[in-house]
Amino acid sequence: MSFISQLRREWQLLRADGWLRALVSWLPLTLFVTMWAIFSSGIARDLPIGVVDFDHSRLSRQVVRQYDASPAIAVTGAFQSVEQGSRALRAGEVYALVVIPHDLEKKTLLGQAPDIKAFYNSQFILIAKLVNSAIVQAQGTLNASVDTLQNMAGGTAVPAQALGQAVPLRSQITPLYNSNSHYGQFLVSATIPATWQILIVITTILALAAEIRQQGVRAWLHAAPARNLLAKLVPYTLLFWLQGILFLWGLYVLLGWPMHGNWLILMLAQLLTVIACQGIAALFFLLPLEPTKAMSFAAGFTAPAFAFVGVTFPATDMPAFAQFWRAMLPVTHYLEVQVHQVNHGQSFIDALPQLAILTAFMLPLLVAVLRAKGLVAGNQTAEVKL
């Protein structure tokens, strides 16, 4: 059977298998759109926090109003005790608990520094960061207001001078690449490729399992194992590559997110990523020749991808094992190309190291081809229980 005939046969098998058809058509699109919808708001607003006010003074009420005025947080609970607020925090009813101490107003008027304590769950990495930043900003604004009034009461009649004495150094944070702090632009753009990698690997394994289920390993590979294996993978290569191009078009054309790089470099990186993931999947399947074990290998290999790619947690702070695992994931190197293209407009020469690493991931595909030849040469047969 010729290579073209093998391709036509594969398209027929794809049309007949509902699961495979879903994995290469509507299911990835549904997952990608769902991820975008989750983070489509871009900026978290009105995250609920609780307050325990032991002072019940005019200043403590002003503190609560200052927190509530922040767009990122909203005071939704006023608790009578720390224990009551802690229960709400542990139950997830609020993301932070602020405790305003006794004698807040009295100590402030006396020029002392009362302690306002805030508790939050740092396991919610993004939410904890936003809540902490909002509380610190609101508290800083209130402190500046109080110090300004004290300076004016002390004899500084000009408000600008009083403010300058209260806040001698001011900071201005200007994001270089995400100007409106849209966290969807870095979360979604990383989550989709990580999910895409999982889809490529499991779809390839299911496609190989479907072939072997119909006629067995030897009958499938007997004439030309390398040609038959590649003919099996090529249709899915094109479909996966099309998926990658569509998600790039959706994010950076349809949604209009900033894109400063070269589309051809990104598309080349995507093609290399698809081939790399397919090679790994083929190796996972052809070594044990059992779909269950192959899917277990795939799950263990690809599931930690989003945590290890270095988007939500800096790669430099990861332990050695995490960095080793990160280096084994094709999507890690693809995302480095994507980030540099989207944000920095990196040249082809600068992108060559990561493209070379993705090219080196051809090795698992070559090993899978050798494994296929070995199965035929050794007259091995496999009975696959699905």
Foldseek 3Di string as FASTA:
>chain_A
DDLVVLLVVLVVVCVVDPVLVCLLPVVLVVVLVVLCVVQVVQAAFAQEEEEEEPAPDPVVVVLQVLLCPQGRHHHDYYDPDPVVRVVCQVVVVHFKYKYHDHCPVVCVVVVHDDDIDMDGDCVVPVSVVSSVVSSVVSVLVSQLVSQLVVQCVVPDVDSVVSSCVSPVDDDDDADQFCRVNRVCVLQSVLVSLLVLLLSLLLSLLVLVVVVCQVPWLCVQCQPPNLSSSVSSCVVVLVSSLVSVVVSCCCVCPVVVRFFAADPVLLSLLSSLLSLLSSLLSLLLCLVVVESVSSNVVSCVLRVCQSVLLCRSHHNVPDDPVSVVSNLSRSSSLSVVVVVCRRGPHDDPVVNVVSSVSSNVSCVSNVVSSVSSVVCNVVVHTDDYDD
